[in-house]
Amino acid sequence: MAYVITGECTKDEKCVEVCPVDCIHPRKDEPKFAESAQLFVSPVECIDCGACVPVCEASAIYTLDELPENLKNYAELNAKYYQ
């Protein structure tokens, strides 16, 4: 059950800083950061630790199981970023 970042993401990178497995991208030092509207969680690399959720001031991170129906498309967007 990976986590999913939604469109409310502010790209402040607080989630990136606490992720123990570096599965949230793009970071500021990566080429796609400027053109990306949000950050994304890798559904394969995410270990479901939940460290990213409490630091997200925008409340933009959900577990896949708790993703609201109107935000379901973000699960696919997060996965596509890593393809």
PDB file of N, CA and C in Angstrom:
ATOM      1  N   MET A   1       0.839  -1.178   0.000  1.00  0.00           N
ATOM      2  CA  MET A   1       0.000   0.000   0.000  1.00  0.00           C
ATOM      3  C   MET A   1       0.884   1.241   0.000  1.00  0.00           C
ATOM      4  N   ALA A   2       1.294   1.717  -1.093  1.00  0.00           N
ATOM      5  CA  ALA A   2       2.155   2.893  -1.172  1.00  0.00           C
ATOM      6  C   ALA A   2       1.379   4.162  -0.855  1.00  0.00           C
ATOM      7  N   TYR A   3       2.120   5.214  -0.629  1.00  0.00           N
ATOM      8  CA  TYR A   3       1.525   6.529  -0.423  1.00  0.00           C
ATOM      9  C   TYR A   3       1.424   7.238  -1.766  1.00  0.00           C
ATOM     10  N   VAL A   4       0.532   8.208  -1.837  1.00  0.00           N
ATOM     11  CA  VAL A   4       0.280   8.951  -3.071  1.00  0.00           C
ATOM     12  C   VAL A   4       0.286  10.435  -2.740  1.00  0.00           C
ATOM     13  N   ILE A   5       0.992  11.222  -3.551  1.00  0.00           N
ATOM     14  CA  ILE A   5       0.989  12.673  -3.388  1.00  0.00           C
ATOM     15  C   ILE A   5       0.005  13.236  -4.406  1.00  0.00           C
ATOM     16  N   THR A   6      -0.817  14.173  -3.955  1.00  0.00           N
ATOM     17  CA  THR A   6      -1.853  14.749  -4.813  1.00  0.00           C
ATOM     18  C   THR A   6      -1.500  16.178  -5.226  1.00  0.00           C
ATOM     19  N   GLY A   7      -2.371  16.785  -5.979  1.00  0.00           N
ATOM     20  CA  GLY A   7      -2.141  18.103  -6.558  1.00  0.00           C
ATOM     21  C   GLY A   7      -2.012  19.254  -5.588  1.00  0.00           C
ATOM     22  N   GLU A   8      -2.319  19.045  -4.330  1.00  0.00           N
ATOM     23  CA  GLU A   8      -2.158  20.105  -3.334  1.00  0.00           C
ATOM     24  C   GLU A   8      -0.690  20.280  -2.925  1.00  0.00           C
ATOM     25  N   CYS A   9       0.171  19.432  -3.424  1.00  0.00           N
ATOM     26  CA  CYS A   9       1.604  19.450  -3.095  1.00  0.00           C
ATOM     27  C   CYS A   9       2.211  20.820  -3.387  1.00  0.00           C
ATOM     28  N   THR A  10       2.988  21.330  -2.431  1.00  0.00           N
ATOM     29  CA  THR A  10       3.645  22.625  -2.587  1.00  0.00           C
ATOM     30  C   THR A  10       5.125  22.506  -2.964  1.00  0.00           C
ATOM     31  N   LYS A  11       5.618  21.278  -3.077  1.00  0.00           N
ATOM     32  CA  LYS A  11       7.013  21.011  -3.430  1.00  0.00           C
ATOM     33  C   LYS A  11       7.996  21.613  -2.419  1.00  0.00           C
ATOM     34  N   ASP A  12       7.614  21.679  -1.157  1.00  0.00           N
ATOM     35  CA  ASP A  12       8.522  22.245  -0.150  1.00  0.00           C
ATOM     36  C   ASP A  12       9.604  21.255   0.278  1.00  0.00           C
ATOM     37  N   GLU A  13       9.508  20.031  -0.153  1.00  0.00           N
ATOM     38  CA  GLU A  13      10.490  18.972   0.077  1.00  0.00           C
ATOM     39  C   GLU A  13      10.607  18.497   1.524  1.00  0.00           C
ATOM     40  N   LYS A  14       9.691  18.857   2.385  1.00  0.00           N
ATOM     41  CA  LYS A  14       9.745  18.353   3.760  1.00  0.00           C
ATOM     42  C   LYS A  14       9.580  16.842   3.770  1.00  0.00           C
ATOM     43  N   CYS A  15       8.749  16.327   2.873  1.00  0.00           N
ATOM     44  CA  CYS A  15       8.555  14.877   2.778  1.00  0.00           C
ATOM     45  C   CYS A  15       9.826  14.192   2.269  1.00  0.00           C
ATOM     46  N   VAL A  16      10.509  14.838   1.345  1.00  0.00           N
ATOM     47  CA  VAL A  16      11.757  14.299   0.799  1.00  0.00           C
ATOM     48  C   VAL A  16      12.794  14.170   1.915  1.00  0.00           C
ATOM     49  N   GLU A  17      12.864  15.172   2.774  1.00  0.00           N
ATOM     50  CA  GLU A  17      13.839  15.191   3.855  1.00  0.00           C
ATOM     51  C   GLU A  17      13.648  14.065   4.865  1.00  0.00           C
ATOM     52  N   VAL A  18      12.405  13.629   5.085  1.00  0.00           N
ATOM     53  CA  VAL A  18      12.157  12.598   6.095  1.00  0.00           C
ATOM     54  C   VAL A  18      12.034  11.189   5.517  1.00  0.00           C
ATOM     55  N   CYS A  19      11.975  11.062   4.214  1.00  0.00           N
ATOM     56  CA  CYS A  19      11.812   9.740   3.594  1.00  0.00           C
ATOM     57  C   CYS A  19      13.090   8.914   3.771  1.00  0.00           C
ATOM     58  N   PRO A  20      12.989   7.766   4.450  1.00  0.00           N
ATOM     59  CA  PRO A  20      14.184   6.968   4.708  1.00  0.00           C
ATOM     60  C   PRO A  20      14.695   6.181   3.498  1.00  0.00           C
ATOM     61  N   VAL A  21      13.897   6.085   2.442  1.00  0.00           N
ATOM     62  CA  VAL A  21      14.321   5.305   1.284  1.00  0.00           C
ATOM     63  C   VAL A  21      14.434   6.131  -0.003  1.00  0.00           C
ATOM     64  N   ASP A  22      14.348   7.441   0.106  1.00  0.00           N
ATOM     65  CA  ASP A  22      14.520   8.343  -1.035  1.00  0.00           C
ATOM     66  C   ASP A  22      13.597   7.975  -2.198  1.00  0.00           C
ATOM     67  N   CYS A  23      12.302   7.827  -1.909  1.00  0.00           N
ATOM     68  CA  CYS A  23      11.355   7.424  -2.963  1.00  0.00           C
ATOM     69  C   CYS A  23      10.434   8.555  -3.395  1.00  0.00           C
ATOM     70  N   ILE A  24      10.749   9.794  -3.021  1.00  0.00           N
ATOM     71  CA  ILE A  24       9.932  10.941  -3.409  1.00  0.00           C
ATOM     72  C   ILE A  24      10.777  11.859  -4.290  1.00  0.00           C
ATOM     73  N   HIS A  25      10.255  12.125  -5.486  1.00  0.00           N
ATOM     74  CA  HIS A  25      10.986  12.911  -6.476  1.00  0.00           C
ATOM     75  C   HIS A  25      10.005  13.752  -7.279  1.00  0.00           C
ATOM     76  N   PRO A  26      10.465  14.737  -8.028  1.00  0.00           N
ATOM     77  CA  PRO A  26      11.845  15.177  -8.171  1.00  0.00           C
ATOM     78  C   PRO A  26      12.265  16.097  -7.034  1.00  0.00           C
ATOM     79  N   ARG A  27      13.533  16.035  -6.711  1.00  0.00           N
ATOM     80  CA  ARG A  27      14.103  16.950  -5.720  1.00  0.00           C
ATOM     81  C   ARG A  27      14.581  18.214  -6.435  1.00  0.00           C
ATOM     82  N   LYS A  28      14.844  19.257  -5.654  1.00  0.00           N
ATOM     83  CA  LYS A  28      15.288  20.537  -6.228  1.00  0.00           C
ATOM     84  C   LYS A  28      16.523  20.380  -7.101  1.00  0.00           C
ATOM     85  N   ASP A  29      17.384  19.425  -6.770  1.00  0.00           N
ATOM     86  CA  ASP A  29      18.627  19.243  -7.508  1.00  0.00           C
ATOM     87  C   ASP A  29      18.481  18.323  -8.723  1.00  0.00           C
ATOM     88  N   GLU A  30      17.243  17.960  -9.075  1.00  0.00           N
ATOM     89  CA  GLU A  30      17.004  17.102 -10.227  1.00  0.00           C
ATOM     90  C   GLU A  30      16.400  17.911 -11.372  1.00  0.00           C
ATOM     91  N   PRO A  31      16.722  17.539 -12.606  1.00  0.00           N
ATOM     92  CA  PRO A  31      16.288  18.316 -13.771  1.00  0.00           C
ATOM     93  C   PRO A  31      14.782  18.525 -13.894  1.00  0.00           C
ATOM     94  N   LYS A  32      13.966  17.574 -13.498  1.00  0.00           N
ATOM     95  CA  LYS A  32      12.518  17.678 -13.689  1.00  0.00           C
ATOM     96  C   LYS A  32      11.819  18.535 -12.626  1.00  0.00           C
ATOM     97  N   PHE A  33      12.543  19.013 -11.618  1.00  0.00           N
ATOM     98  CA  PHE A  33      11.908  19.741 -10.520  1.00  0.00           C
ATOM     99  C   PHE A  33      11.162  20.988 -10.997  1.00  0.00           C
ATOM    100  N   ALA A  34      11.799  21.822 -11.781  1.00  0.00           N
ATOM    101  CA  ALA A  34      11.198  23.093 -12.210  1.00  0.00           C
ATOM    102  C   ALA A  34       9.943  22.882 -13.046  1.00  0.00           C
ATOM    103  N   GLU A  35       9.943  21.879 -13.884  1.00  0.00           N
ATOM    104  CA  GLU A  35       8.794  21.653 -14.771  1.00  0.00           C
ATOM    105  C   GLU A  35       7.675  20.835 -14.133  1.00  0.00           C
ATOM    106  N   SER A  36       7.946  20.225 -13.008  1.00  0.00           N
ATOM    107  CA  SER A  36       6.947  19.390 -12.346  1.00  0.00           C
ATOM    108  C   SER A  36       6.021  20.218 -11.465  1.00  0.00           C
ATOM    109  N   ALA A  37       4.737  19.946 -11.550  1.00  0.00           N
ATOM    110  CA  ALA A  37       3.756  20.675 -10.747  1.00  0.00           C
ATOM    111  C   ALA A  37       3.714  20.188  -9.306  1.00  0.00           C
ATOM    112  N   GLN A  38       4.237  18.986  -9.059  1.00  0.00           N
ATOM    113  CA  GLN A  38       4.187  18.407  -7.725  1.00  0.00           C
ATOM    114  C   GLN A  38       5.295  17.368  -7.571  1.00  0.00           C
ATOM    115  N   LEU A  39       5.412  16.815  -6.375  1.00  0.00           N
ATOM    116  CA  LEU A  39       6.322  15.709  -6.118  1.00  0.00           C
ATOM    117  C   LEU A  39       5.548  14.402  -6.257  1.00  0.00           C
ATOM    118  N   PHE A  40       6.269  13.288  -6.410  1.00  0.00           N
ATOM    119  CA  PHE A  40       5.650  11.991  -6.617  1.00  0.00           C
ATOM    120  C   PHE A  40       6.314  10.928  -5.751  1.00  0.00           C
ATOM    121  N   VAL A  41       5.526   9.959  -5.295  1.00  0.00           N
ATOM    122  CA  VAL A  41       6.030   8.833  -4.509  1.00  0.00           C
ATOM    123  C   VAL A  41       6.121   7.619  -5.422  1.00  0.00           C
ATOM    124  N   SER A  42       7.254   6.933  -5.385  1.00  0.00           N
ATOM    125  CA  SER A  42       7.401   5.700  -6.150  1.00  0.00           C
ATOM    126  C   SER A  42       6.584   4.593  -5.494  1.00  0.00           C
ATOM    127  N   PRO A  43       5.620   4.007  -6.222  1.00  0.00           N
ATOM    128  CA  PRO A  43       4.819   2.944  -5.632  1.00  0.00           C
ATOM    129  C   PRO A  43       5.609   1.665  -5.407  1.00  0.00           C
ATOM    130  N   VAL A  44       6.757   1.530  -6.031  1.00  0.00           N
ATOM    131  CA  VAL A  44       7.588   0.337  -5.877  1.00  0.00           C
ATOM    132  C   VAL A  44       8.570   0.500  -4.720  1.00  0.00           C
ATOM    133  N   GLU A  45       9.189   1.661  -4.612  1.00  0.00           N
ATOM    134  CA  GLU A  45      10.211   1.889  -3.594  1.00  0.00           C
ATOM    135  C   GLU A  45       9.658   2.276  -2.226  1.00  0.00           C
ATOM    136  N   CYS A  46       8.449   2.798  -2.172  1.00  0.00           N
ATOM    137  CA  CYS A  46       7.841   3.232  -0.907  1.00  0.00           C
ATOM    138  C   CYS A  46       7.697   2.037   0.034  1.00  0.00           C
ATOM    139  N   ILE A  47       8.152   2.218   1.279  1.00  0.00           N
ATOM    140  CA  ILE A  47       8.068   1.133   2.265  1.00  0.00           C
ATOM    141  C   ILE A  47       6.905   1.335   3.232  1.00  0.00           C
ATOM    142  N   ASP A  48       6.024   2.246   2.927  1.00  0.00           N
ATOM    143  CA  ASP A  48       4.819   2.488   3.729  1.00  0.00           C
ATOM    144  C   ASP A  48       5.110   2.883   5.173  1.00  0.00           C
ATOM    145  N   CYS A  49       6.162   3.629   5.392  1.00  0.00           N
ATOM    146  CA  CYS A  49       6.522   4.015   6.762  1.00  0.00           C
ATOM    147  C   CYS A  49       5.641   5.144   7.285  1.00  0.00           C
ATOM    148  N   GLY A  50       5.121   5.979   6.381  1.00  0.00           N
ATOM    149  CA  GLY A  50       4.244   7.071   6.774  1.00  0.00           C
ATOM    150  C   GLY A  50       4.960   8.307   7.290  1.00  0.00           C
ATOM    151  N   ALA A  51       6.272   8.359   7.219  1.00  0.00           N
ATOM    152  CA  ALA A  51       7.020   9.511   7.725  1.00  0.00           C
ATOM    153  C   ALA A  51       6.675  10.798   6.982  1.00  0.00           C
ATOM    154  N   CYS A  52       6.259  10.693   5.751  1.00  0.00           N
ATOM    155  CA  CYS A  52       5.963  11.862   4.928  1.00  0.00           C
ATOM    156  C   CYS A  52       4.652  12.552   5.303  1.00  0.00           C
ATOM    157  N   VAL A  53       3.706  11.797   5.815  1.00  0.00           N
ATOM    158  CA  VAL A  53       2.365  12.338   6.060  1.00  0.00           C
ATOM    159  C   VAL A  53       2.348  13.476   7.086  1.00  0.00           C
ATOM    160  N   PRO A  54       2.905  13.305   8.275  1.00  0.00           N
ATOM    161  CA  PRO A  54       2.795  14.386   9.262  1.00  0.00           C
ATOM    162  C   PRO A  54       3.571  15.661   8.915  1.00  0.00           C
ATOM    163  N   VAL A  55       4.560  15.577   8.049  1.00  0.00           N
ATOM    164  CA  VAL A  55       5.336  16.770   7.702  1.00  0.00           C
ATOM    165  C   VAL A  55       4.745  17.538   6.523  1.00  0.00           C
ATOM    166  N   CYS A  56       3.752  16.961   5.866  1.00  0.00           N
ATOM    167  CA  CYS A  56       3.124  17.619   4.716  1.00  0.00           C
ATOM    168  C   CYS A  56       2.112  18.643   5.200  1.00  0.00           C
ATOM    169  N   GLU A  57       2.493  19.913   5.155  1.00  0.00           N
ATOM    170  CA  GLU A  57       1.617  20.989   5.622  1.00  0.00           C
ATOM    171  C   GLU A  57       0.411  21.191   4.708  1.00  0.00           C
ATOM    172  N   ALA A  58       0.491  20.702   3.468  1.00  0.00           N
ATOM    173  CA  ALA A  58      -0.614  20.856   2.522  1.00  0.00           C
ATOM    174  C   ALA A  58      -1.607  19.695   2.613  1.00  0.00           C
ATOM    175  N   SER A  59      -1.318  18.717   3.446  1.00  0.00           N
ATOM    176  CA  SER A  59      -2.162  17.517   3.558  1.00  0.00           C
ATOM    177  C   SER A  59      -2.405  16.885   2.190  1.00  0.00           C
ATOM    178  N   ALA A  60      -1.328  16.767   1.419  1.00  0.00           N
ATOM    179  CA  ALA A  60      -1.413  16.273   0.050  1.00  0.00           C
ATOM    180  C   ALA A  60      -1.027  14.811  -0.094  1.00  0.00           C
ATOM    181  N   ILE A  61      -0.739  14.127   1.023  1.00  0.00           N
ATOM    182  CA  ILE A  61      -0.274  12.742   0.942  1.00  0.00           C
ATOM    183  C   ILE A  61      -1.279  11.812   1.607  1.00  0.00           C
ATOM    184  N   TYR A  62      -1.635  10.766   0.861  1.00  0.00           N
ATOM    185  CA  TYR A  62      -2.602   9.777   1.337  1.00  0.00           C
ATOM    186  C   TYR A  62      -2.050   8.369   1.125  1.00  0.00           C
ATOM    187  N   THR A  63      -2.545   7.422   1.916  1.00  0.00           N
ATOM    188  CA  THR A  63      -2.279   6.027   1.573  1.00  0.00           C
ATOM    189  C   THR A  63      -3.157   5.714   0.375  1.00  0.00           C
ATOM    190  N   LEU A  64      -2.747   4.758  -0.399  1.00  0.00           N
ATOM    191  CA  LEU A  64      -3.528   4.376  -1.573  1.00  0.00           C
ATOM    192  C   LEU A  64      -4.939   3.972  -1.174  1.00  0.00           C
ATOM    193  N   ASP A  65      -5.071   3.270  -0.061  1.00  0.00           N
ATOM    194  CA  ASP A  65      -6.383   2.817   0.403  1.00  0.00           C
ATOM    195  C   ASP A  65      -7.282   3.958   0.877  1.00  0.00           C
ATOM    196  N   GLU A  66      -6.697   5.058   1.320  1.00  0.00           N
ATOM    197  CA  GLU A  66      -7.476   6.180   1.849  1.00  0.00           C
ATOM    198  C   GLU A  66      -7.609   7.340   0.864  1.00  0.00           C
ATOM    199  N   LEU A  67      -7.130   7.154  -0.349  1.00  0.00           N
ATOM    200  CA  LEU A  67      -7.196   8.198  -1.361  1.00  0.00           C
ATOM    201  C   LEU A  67      -8.657   8.474  -1.720  1.00  0.00           C
ATOM    202  N   PRO A  68      -9.121   9.720  -1.550  1.00  0.00           N
ATOM    203  CA  PRO A  68     -10.510  10.041  -1.880  1.00  0.00           C
ATOM    204  C   PRO A  68     -10.824   9.738  -3.351  1.00  0.00           C
ATOM    205  N   GLU A  69     -12.029   9.378  -3.607  1.00  0.00           N
ATOM    206  CA  GLU A  69     -12.455   8.995  -4.967  1.00  0.00           C
ATOM    207  C   GLU A  69     -12.107  10.064  -5.999  1.00  0.00           C
ATOM    208  N   ASN A  70     -12.301  11.329  -5.652  1.00  0.00           N
ATOM    209  CA  ASN A  70     -12.032  12.413  -6.599  1.00  0.00           C
ATOM    210  C   ASN A  70     -10.539  12.658  -6.837  1.00  0.00           C
ATOM    211  N   LEU A  71      -9.675  11.950  -6.097  1.00  0.00           N
ATOM    212  CA  LEU A  71      -8.217  12.095  -6.264  1.00  0.00           C
ATOM    213  C   LEU A  71      -7.557  10.810  -6.753  1.00  0.00           C
ATOM    214  N   LYS A  72      -8.344   9.811  -7.116  1.00  0.00           N
ATOM    215  CA  LYS A  72      -7.819   8.503  -7.529  1.00  0.00           C
ATOM    216  C   LYS A  72      -6.844   8.609  -8.698  1.00  0.00           C
ATOM    217  N   ASN A  73      -7.034   9.589  -9.573  1.00  0.00           N
ATOM    218  CA  ASN A  73      -6.145   9.737 -10.726  1.00  0.00           C
ATOM    219  C   ASN A  73      -4.693  10.010 -10.315  1.00  0.00           C
ATOM    220  N   TYR A  74      -4.477  10.505  -9.095  1.00  0.00           N
ATOM    221  CA  TYR A  74      -3.116  10.793  -8.650  1.00  0.00           C
ATOM    222  C   TYR A  74      -2.301   9.531  -8.393  1.00  0.00           C
ATOM    223  N   ALA A  75      -2.951   8.427  -8.114  1.00  0.00           N
ATOM    224  CA  ALA A  75      -2.229   7.164  -7.958  1.00  0.00           C
ATOM    225  C   ALA A  75      -1.540   6.813  -9.275  1.00  0.00           C
ATOM    226  N   GLU A  76      -2.262   6.980 -10.362  1.00  0.00           N
ATOM    227  CA  GLU A  76      -1.702   6.706 -11.688  1.00  0.00           C
ATOM    228  C   GLU A  76      -0.619   7.721 -12.047  1.00  0.00           C
ATOM    229  N   LEU A  77      -0.839   8.983 -11.717  1.00  0.00           N
ATOM    230  CA  LEU A  77       0.160  10.017 -12.015  1.00  0.00           C
ATOM    231  C   LEU A  77       1.463   9.752 -11.259  1.00  0.00           C
ATOM    232  N   ASN A  78       1.374   9.342  -9.998  1.00  0.00           N
ATOM    233  CA  ASN A  78       2.575   9.031  -9.229  1.00  0.00           C
ATOM    234  C   ASN A  78       3.316   7.865  -9.873  1.00  0.00           C
ATOM    235  N   ALA A  79       2.594   6.818 -10.238  1.00  0.00           N
ATOM    236  CA  ALA A  79       3.213   5.640 -10.865  1.00  0.00           C
ATOM    237  C   ALA A  79       3.836   5.989 -12.218  1.00  0.00           C
ATOM    238  N   LYS A  80       3.150   6.783 -13.020  1.00  0.00           N
ATOM    239  CA  LYS A  80       3.640   7.152 -14.357  1.00  0.00           C
ATOM    240  C   LYS A  80       4.951   7.919 -14.274  1.00  0.00           C
ATOM    241  N   TYR A  81       5.100   8.721 -13.246  1.00  0.00           N
ATOM    242  CA  TYR A  81       6.341   9.505 -13.121  1.00  0.00           C
ATOM    243  C   TYR A  81       7.557   8.586 -13.087  1.00  0.00           C
ATOM    244  N   TYR A  82       7.417   7.396 -12.559  1.00  0.00           N
ATOM    245  CA  TYR A  82       8.537   6.472 -12.405  1.00  0.00           C
ATOM    246  C   TYR A  82       8.668   5.461 -13.529  1.00  0.00           C
ATOM    247  N   GLN A  83       7.875   5.591 -14.573  1.00  0.00           N
ATOM    248  CA  GLN A  83       7.977   4.660 -15.711  1.00  0.00           C
ATOM    249  C   GLN A  83       8.972   5.145 -16.724  1.00  0.00           C
TER     250      GLN A  83
END
